[in-house]
């Protein structure tokens, strides 16, 4: 078992623990996603999705992490109460969006990042957060 294969297995378990759908299109690339908020009604709708990618470099034993929280709405979204919490430390932003109402939900930007960082560093690899870059 190569080091990338071992870390991929560890990160798959981490993604599932965070409630994310996991995909590994190649041995050195991991993707995970979650549609946390999806609400529709006859006048419109709203959707909030979280995506991440983690590129693995076996030689340098480095995991390069990217994430994105995207929100979209159309028409007149369903009535709901939205609470957003945002914090920033350097280039690292943590954000939580919680919607209470018809088909509400919750999306976290930062929870999966912290879990992936703990898993990667616990395996002896280096974790690199690539802020401002879209997931691969």
N, C-alpha and C. Protein backbone atom coordinates (compact mmCIF):
# COMPACT_ATOMS: atom_id res chain seq x y z
N UNK A 1 0.85 -1.17 0.00
CA UNK A 1 0.00 0.00 0.00
C UNK A 1 0.90 1.24 0.00
N UNK A 2 0.68 2.13 -0.97
CA UNK A 2 1.48 3.35 -1.05
C UNK A 2 1.01 4.34 0.02
N UNK A 3 1.87 5.31 0.37
CA UNK A 3 1.43 6.31 1.36
C UNK A 3 0.19 7.07 0.91
N UNK A 4 0.08 7.39 -0.40
CA UNK A 4 -1.10 8.11 -0.88
C UNK A 4 -2.36 7.27 -0.73
N UNK A 5 -2.24 5.96 -0.93
CA UNK A 5 -3.40 5.07 -0.78
C UNK A 5 -3.85 5.03 0.68
N UNK A 6 -2.89 4.99 1.59
CA UNK A 6 -3.23 4.97 3.02
C UNK A 6 -3.89 6.26 3.45
N UNK A 7 -3.36 7.40 3.00
CA UNK A 7 -3.94 8.69 3.40
C UNK A 7 -5.30 8.90 2.73
N UNK A 8 -5.48 8.37 1.50
CA UNK A 8 -6.77 8.47 0.82
C UNK A 8 -7.84 7.74 1.62
N UNK A 9 -7.52 6.57 2.13
CA UNK A 9 -8.46 5.81 2.95
C UNK A 9 -8.81 6.58 4.22
N UNK A 10 -7.81 7.18 4.84
CA UNK A 10 -8.03 7.97 6.06
C UNK A 10 -8.91 9.19 5.77
N UNK A 11 -8.66 9.87 4.65
CA UNK A 11 -9.44 11.06 4.31
C UNK A 11 -10.85 10.70 3.86
N UNK A 12 -11.04 9.51 3.27
CA UNK A 12 -12.39 9.06 2.93
C UNK A 12 -13.22 8.90 4.20
N UNK A 13 -12.63 8.28 5.22
CA UNK A 13 -13.32 8.12 6.49
C UNK A 13 -13.62 9.47 7.14
N UNK A 14 -12.68 10.41 7.01
CA UNK A 14 -12.87 11.75 7.56
C UNK A 14 -14.01 12.48 6.85
N UNK A 15 -14.07 12.35 5.52
CA UNK A 15 -15.14 12.99 4.74
C UNK A 15 -16.50 12.42 5.14
N UNK A 16 -16.60 11.11 5.28
CA UNK A 16 -17.87 10.49 5.68
C UNK A 16 -18.27 10.94 7.09
N UNK A 17 -17.30 11.08 7.98
CA UNK A 17 -17.59 11.54 9.35
C UNK A 17 -18.12 12.97 9.35
N UNK A 18 -17.72 13.77 8.36
CA UNK A 18 -18.20 15.15 8.24
C UNK A 18 -19.50 15.24 7.45
N UNK A 19 -20.03 14.10 7.00
CA UNK A 19 -21.28 14.09 6.25
C UNK A 19 -21.13 14.48 4.79
N UNK A 20 -19.94 14.27 4.22
CA UNK A 20 -19.67 14.65 2.83
C UNK A 20 -19.70 13.44 1.91
N UNK A 21 -20.12 13.65 0.68
CA UNK A 21 -20.02 12.62 -0.36
C UNK A 21 -18.58 12.62 -0.86
N UNK A 22 -17.97 11.45 -0.96
CA UNK A 22 -16.54 11.32 -1.27
C UNK A 22 -16.34 10.79 -2.69
N UNK A 23 -15.29 11.29 -3.34
CA UNK A 23 -14.94 10.83 -4.68
C UNK A 23 -13.42 10.91 -4.82
N UNK A 24 -12.81 9.91 -5.43
CA UNK A 24 -11.38 9.91 -5.68
C UNK A 24 -11.13 9.57 -7.14
N UNK A 25 -11.12 10.59 -8.03
CA UNK A 25 -10.97 10.33 -9.46
C UNK A 25 -9.58 9.79 -9.84
N UNK A 26 -8.59 10.00 -8.98
CA UNK A 26 -7.25 9.46 -9.21
C UNK A 26 -6.62 9.16 -7.85
N UNK A 27 -5.54 8.39 -7.81
CA UNK A 27 -4.93 8.07 -6.52
C UNK A 27 -4.39 9.28 -5.77
N UNK A 28 -4.17 10.39 -6.48
CA UNK A 28 -3.59 11.57 -5.83
C UNK A 28 -4.55 12.74 -5.72
N UNK A 29 -5.84 12.52 -6.00
CA UNK A 29 -6.82 13.61 -5.90
C UNK A 29 -8.07 13.12 -5.19
N UNK A 30 -8.51 13.90 -4.22
CA UNK A 30 -9.72 13.59 -3.45
C UNK A 30 -10.69 14.75 -3.62
N UNK A 31 -11.96 14.42 -3.79
CA UNK A 31 -13.01 15.44 -3.84
C UNK A 31 -14.12 15.02 -2.88
N UNK A 32 -14.75 16.01 -2.28
CA UNK A 32 -15.90 15.73 -1.41
C UNK A 32 -16.86 16.91 -1.54
N UNK A 33 -18.14 16.65 -1.32
CA UNK A 33 -19.14 17.71 -1.46
C UNK A 33 -20.36 17.43 -0.60
N UNK A 34 -21.14 18.49 -0.42
CA UNK A 34 -22.38 18.38 0.34
C UNK A 34 -23.32 19.51 -0.09
N UNK A 35 -24.57 19.16 -0.39
CA UNK A 35 -25.60 20.15 -0.60
C UNK A 35 -26.32 20.30 0.72
N UNK A 36 -25.91 21.28 1.51
CA UNK A 36 -26.44 21.44 2.86
C UNK A 36 -27.80 22.09 2.92
N UNK A 37 -28.07 23.00 1.99
CA UNK A 37 -29.35 23.71 2.01
C UNK A 37 -29.95 23.63 0.61
N UNK A 38 -31.09 23.00 0.49
CA UNK A 38 -31.81 22.94 -0.77
C UNK A 38 -33.28 23.18 -0.44
N UNK A 39 -33.79 24.33 -0.86
CA UNK A 39 -35.21 24.61 -0.59
C UNK A 39 -35.86 25.14 -1.86
N UNK A 40 -37.02 24.60 -2.18
CA UNK A 40 -37.76 25.00 -3.38
C UNK A 40 -39.23 25.19 -3.02
N UNK A 41 -39.85 26.07 -3.73
CA UNK A 41 -41.29 26.18 -3.67
C UNK A 41 -41.76 26.77 -4.97
N UNK A 42 -43.04 27.00 -5.14
CA UNK A 42 -43.58 27.37 -6.45
C UNK A 42 -43.10 28.72 -6.97
N UNK A 43 -42.54 29.61 -6.12
CA UNK A 43 -42.07 30.91 -6.59
C UNK A 43 -40.55 31.00 -6.74
N UNK A 44 -39.81 30.00 -6.30
CA UNK A 44 -38.35 30.06 -6.42
C UNK A 44 -37.67 29.04 -5.55
N UNK A 45 -36.40 29.26 -5.30
CA UNK A 45 -35.64 28.31 -4.48
C UNK A 45 -34.29 28.85 -4.09
N UNK A 46 -33.59 28.08 -3.27
CA UNK A 46 -32.28 28.44 -2.78
C UNK A 46 -31.45 27.17 -2.59
N UNK A 47 -30.14 27.29 -2.86
CA UNK A 47 -29.26 26.15 -2.70
C UNK A 47 -27.90 26.64 -2.18
N UNK A 48 -27.34 25.93 -1.22
CA UNK A 48 -26.00 26.20 -0.71
C UNK A 48 -25.23 24.89 -0.75
N UNK A 49 -24.08 24.91 -1.41
CA UNK A 49 -23.27 23.71 -1.59
C UNK A 49 -21.84 23.95 -1.12
N UNK A 50 -21.25 22.91 -0.55
CA UNK A 50 -19.87 22.95 -0.10
C UNK A 50 -19.08 21.92 -0.90
N UNK A 51 -17.93 22.33 -1.44
CA UNK A 51 -17.07 21.42 -2.19
C UNK A 51 -15.64 21.57 -1.70
N UNK A 52 -14.89 20.48 -1.74
CA UNK A 52 -13.47 20.54 -1.40
C UNK A 52 -12.70 19.60 -2.30
N UNK A 53 -11.41 19.89 -2.42
CA UNK A 53 -10.50 18.97 -3.10
C UNK A 53 -9.20 18.93 -2.30
N UNK A 54 -8.53 17.81 -2.37
CA UNK A 54 -7.27 17.63 -1.65
C UNK A 54 -6.33 16.86 -2.60
N UNK A 55 -5.28 17.55 -3.06
CA UNK A 55 -4.29 16.93 -3.95
C UNK A 55 -3.15 16.37 -3.10
N UNK A 56 -2.81 15.12 -3.34
CA UNK A 56 -1.78 14.45 -2.55
C UNK A 56 -0.48 14.34 -3.33
N UNK A 57 0.62 14.73 -2.71
CA UNK A 57 1.95 14.61 -3.31
C UNK A 57 2.73 13.59 -2.49
N UNK A 58 2.87 12.38 -3.05
CA UNK A 58 3.54 11.28 -2.35
C UNK A 58 4.99 11.61 -2.01
N UNK A 59 5.72 12.19 -2.97
CA UNK A 59 7.14 12.44 -2.77
C UNK A 59 7.39 13.43 -1.63
N UNK A 60 6.60 14.51 -1.59
CA UNK A 60 6.78 15.53 -0.55
C UNK A 60 5.92 15.25 0.68
N UNK A 61 5.09 14.22 0.62
CA UNK A 61 4.13 13.90 1.67
C UNK A 61 3.36 15.15 2.10
N UNK A 62 2.73 15.77 1.10
CA UNK A 62 1.99 17.01 1.28
C UNK A 62 0.58 16.85 0.74
N UNK A 63 -0.39 17.37 1.47
CA UNK A 63 -1.79 17.39 1.04
C UNK A 63 -2.18 18.85 0.84
N UNK A 64 -2.54 19.23 -0.39
CA UNK A 64 -2.94 20.60 -0.72
C UNK A 64 -4.46 20.67 -0.75
N UNK A 65 -5.03 21.45 0.15
CA UNK A 65 -6.48 21.48 0.39
C UNK A 65 -7.09 22.77 -0.16
N UNK A 66 -8.21 22.64 -0.86
CA UNK A 66 -8.99 23.78 -1.38
C UNK A 66 -10.46 23.55 -1.05
N UNK A 67 -11.20 24.63 -0.79
CA UNK A 67 -12.63 24.49 -0.50
C UNK A 67 -13.41 25.68 -1.04
N UNK A 68 -14.73 25.46 -1.20
CA UNK A 68 -15.61 26.49 -1.75
C UNK A 68 -17.02 26.31 -1.19
N UNK A 69 -17.62 27.40 -0.77
CA UNK A 69 -19.02 27.43 -0.37
C UNK A 69 -19.74 28.29 -1.39
N UNK A 70 -20.68 27.71 -2.13
CA UNK A 70 -21.42 28.47 -3.13
C UNK A 70 -22.89 28.49 -2.77
N UNK A 71 -23.50 29.65 -2.97
CA UNK A 71 -24.92 29.82 -2.70
C UNK A 71 -25.58 30.39 -3.93
N UNK A 72 -26.78 29.93 -4.22
CA UNK A 72 -27.54 30.48 -5.34
C UNK A 72 -29.03 30.49 -4.97
N UNK A 73 -29.73 31.43 -5.54
CA UNK A 73 -31.18 31.48 -5.35
C UNK A 73 -31.81 31.97 -6.65
N UNK A 74 -33.08 31.64 -6.85
CA UNK A 74 -33.79 32.04 -8.04
C UNK A 74 -35.22 32.36 -7.67
N UNK A 75 -35.79 33.28 -8.40
CA UNK A 75 -37.16 33.70 -8.11
C UNK A 75 -37.25 34.30 -6.73
N UNK A 76 -38.32 34.00 -6.05
CA UNK A 76 -38.52 34.43 -4.66
C UNK A 76 -38.31 33.20 -3.79
N UNK A 77 -37.17 33.13 -3.08
CA UNK A 77 -36.91 31.95 -2.26
C UNK A 77 -37.97 31.77 -1.18
N UNK A 78 -38.13 30.56 -0.67
CA UNK A 78 -39.11 30.31 0.39
C UNK A 78 -38.80 31.16 1.62
N UNK A 79 -39.83 31.49 2.38
CA UNK A 79 -39.59 32.26 3.60
C UNK A 79 -38.74 31.45 4.58
N UNK A 80 -37.73 32.09 5.13
CA UNK A 80 -36.84 31.38 6.05
C UNK A 80 -36.07 32.39 6.89
N UNK A 81 -35.54 31.92 7.98
CA UNK A 81 -34.65 32.73 8.81
C UNK A 81 -33.24 32.20 8.58
N UNK A 82 -32.33 33.08 8.15
CA UNK A 82 -30.95 32.70 7.86
C UNK A 82 -30.03 33.33 8.88
N UNK A 83 -29.17 32.50 9.46
CA UNK A 83 -28.17 32.99 10.40
C UNK A 83 -26.80 32.62 9.83
N UNK A 84 -25.95 33.63 9.62
CA UNK A 84 -24.61 33.40 9.11
C UNK A 84 -23.60 33.85 10.15
N UNK A 85 -22.60 33.01 10.40
CA UNK A 85 -21.53 33.33 11.32
C UNK A 85 -20.22 33.22 10.56
N UNK A 86 -19.43 34.29 10.54
CA UNK A 86 -18.17 34.32 9.80
C UNK A 86 -17.05 34.79 10.70
N UNK A 87 -15.90 34.12 10.60
CA UNK A 87 -14.71 34.59 11.30
C UNK A 87 -13.52 34.42 10.37
N UNK A 88 -12.51 35.27 10.57
CA UNK A 88 -11.33 35.21 9.71
C UNK A 88 -10.08 35.32 10.55
N UNK A 89 -9.13 34.46 10.26
CA UNK A 89 -7.82 34.50 10.91
C UNK A 89 -6.79 34.41 9.79
N UNK A 90 -6.15 35.54 9.48
CA UNK A 90 -5.24 35.59 8.33
C UNK A 90 -6.03 35.39 7.06
N UNK A 91 -5.62 34.42 6.24
CA UNK A 91 -6.31 34.12 5.00
C UNK A 91 -7.35 33.02 5.17
N UNK A 92 -7.50 32.52 6.39
CA UNK A 92 -8.42 31.42 6.66
C UNK A 92 -9.76 31.95 7.15
N UNK A 93 -10.82 31.64 6.41
CA UNK A 93 -12.17 32.08 6.75
C UNK A 93 -12.98 30.87 7.19
N UNK A 94 -13.71 31.03 8.28
CA UNK A 94 -14.63 30.00 8.75
C UNK A 94 -16.03 30.61 8.72
N UNK A 95 -16.97 29.90 8.11
CA UNK A 95 -18.32 30.44 7.96
C UNK A 95 -19.33 29.32 8.17
N UNK A 96 -20.41 29.64 8.87
CA UNK A 96 -21.52 28.71 9.06
C UNK A 96 -22.79 29.41 8.60
N UNK A 97 -23.55 28.74 7.75
CA UNK A 97 -24.85 29.26 7.28
C UNK A 97 -25.91 28.28 7.76
N UNK A 98 -26.87 28.78 8.53
CA UNK A 98 -27.97 27.96 9.02
C UNK A 98 -29.28 28.58 8.56
N UNK A 99 -30.14 27.77 7.94
CA UNK A 99 -31.44 28.24 7.46
C UNK A 99 -32.53 27.49 8.20
N UNK A 100 -33.44 28.23 8.79
CA UNK A 100 -34.58 27.64 9.47
C UNK A 100 -35.83 28.00 8.66
N UNK A 101 -36.55 27.01 8.24
CA UNK A 101 -37.74 27.22 7.43
C UNK A 101 -37.98 25.97 6.61
N UNK A 102 -38.81 26.08 5.54
CA UNK A 102 -39.09 24.91 4.70
C UNK A 102 -37.80 24.36 4.09
N UNK A 103 -37.51 23.11 4.31
CA UNK A 103 -36.31 22.44 3.77
C UNK A 103 -35.04 23.19 4.12
N UNK A 104 -34.95 23.67 5.34
CA UNK A 104 -33.74 24.38 5.79
C UNK A 104 -32.59 23.42 5.96
N UNK A 105 -31.49 23.94 6.44
CA UNK A 105 -30.32 23.10 6.63
C UNK A 105 -29.16 23.91 7.15
N UNK A 106 -27.97 23.31 7.12
CA UNK A 106 -26.78 23.96 7.65
C UNK A 106 -25.58 23.58 6.79
N UNK A 107 -24.72 24.56 6.50
CA UNK A 107 -23.49 24.32 5.76
C UNK A 107 -22.35 24.98 6.54
N UNK A 108 -21.27 24.22 6.75
CA UNK A 108 -20.10 24.74 7.46
C UNK A 108 -18.92 24.85 6.51
N UNK A 109 -18.29 25.99 6.53
CA UNK A 109 -17.03 26.20 5.82
C UNK A 109 -15.96 26.28 6.89
N UNK A 110 -15.17 25.26 7.03
CA UNK A 110 -14.13 25.25 8.04
C UNK A 110 -14.11 23.98 8.86
N UNK A 111 -15.25 23.36 9.09
CA UNK A 111 -15.30 22.14 9.89
C UNK A 111 -14.55 20.99 9.20
N UNK A 112 -14.82 20.79 7.92
CA UNK A 112 -14.14 19.72 7.18
C UNK A 112 -12.65 20.04 7.05
N UNK A 113 -12.32 21.32 6.84
CA UNK A 113 -10.91 21.72 6.73
C UNK A 113 -10.14 21.33 7.99
N UNK A 114 -10.71 21.63 9.14
CA UNK A 114 -10.05 21.31 10.42
C UNK A 114 -9.92 19.79 10.59
N UNK A 115 -10.95 19.03 10.21
CA UNK A 115 -10.90 17.57 10.34
C UNK A 115 -9.85 16.98 9.39
N UNK A 116 -9.79 17.49 8.16
CA UNK A 116 -8.80 17.01 7.20
C UNK A 116 -7.39 17.36 7.68
N UNK A 117 -7.21 18.56 8.23
CA UNK A 117 -5.90 18.96 8.72
C UNK A 117 -5.44 18.05 9.86
N UNK A 118 -6.34 17.74 10.79
CA UNK A 118 -6.00 16.83 11.89
C UNK A 118 -5.61 15.44 11.37
N UNK A 119 -6.37 14.95 10.39
CA UNK A 119 -6.09 13.62 9.84
C UNK A 119 -4.75 13.60 9.10
N UNK A 120 -4.49 14.61 8.30
CA UNK A 120 -3.26 14.66 7.51
C UNK A 120 -2.03 14.80 8.41
N UNK A 121 -2.08 15.74 9.34
CA UNK A 121 -0.92 15.95 10.22
C UNK A 121 -0.74 14.76 11.18
N UNK A 122 -1.83 14.13 11.56
CA UNK A 122 -1.75 12.95 12.42
C UNK A 122 -1.08 11.78 11.71
N UNK A 123 -1.16 11.76 10.37
CA UNK A 123 -0.52 10.70 9.59
C UNK A 123 0.93 11.05 9.25
N UNK A 124 1.39 12.21 9.72
CA UNK A 124 2.77 12.61 9.48
C UNK A 124 2.99 13.37 8.18
N UNK A 125 1.92 13.75 7.51
CA UNK A 125 2.02 14.53 6.28
C UNK A 125 1.90 16.01 6.60
N UNK A 126 2.27 16.83 5.61
CA UNK A 126 2.15 18.29 5.74
C UNK A 126 0.84 18.72 5.09
N UNK A 127 0.09 19.60 5.76
CA UNK A 127 -1.19 20.10 5.28
C UNK A 127 -0.99 21.52 4.77
N UNK A 128 -1.38 21.78 3.52
CA UNK A 128 -1.27 23.11 2.92
C UNK A 128 -2.67 23.57 2.53
N UNK A 129 -3.14 24.66 3.12
CA UNK A 129 -4.45 25.22 2.77
C UNK A 129 -4.23 26.26 1.68
N UNK A 130 -4.78 26.03 0.49
CA UNK A 130 -4.65 26.93 -0.64
C UNK A 130 -5.84 27.86 -0.68
N UNK A 131 -5.75 28.95 0.07
CA UNK A 131 -6.83 29.92 0.18
C UNK A 131 -7.02 30.66 -1.13
N UNK A 132 -8.28 30.89 -1.51
CA UNK A 132 -8.59 31.67 -2.69
C UNK A 132 -8.53 30.90 -3.99
N UNK A 133 -8.32 29.59 -3.93
CA UNK A 133 -8.29 28.78 -5.15
C UNK A 133 -9.49 27.85 -5.15
N UNK A 134 -10.09 27.68 -6.33
CA UNK A 134 -11.24 26.80 -6.47
C UNK A 134 -10.82 25.33 -6.37
N UNK A 135 -11.68 24.49 -5.82
CA UNK A 135 -11.37 23.05 -5.77
C UNK A 135 -11.16 22.51 -7.19
N UNK A 136 -10.31 21.51 -7.30
CA UNK A 136 -9.98 20.91 -8.60
C UNK A 136 -11.09 19.97 -9.04
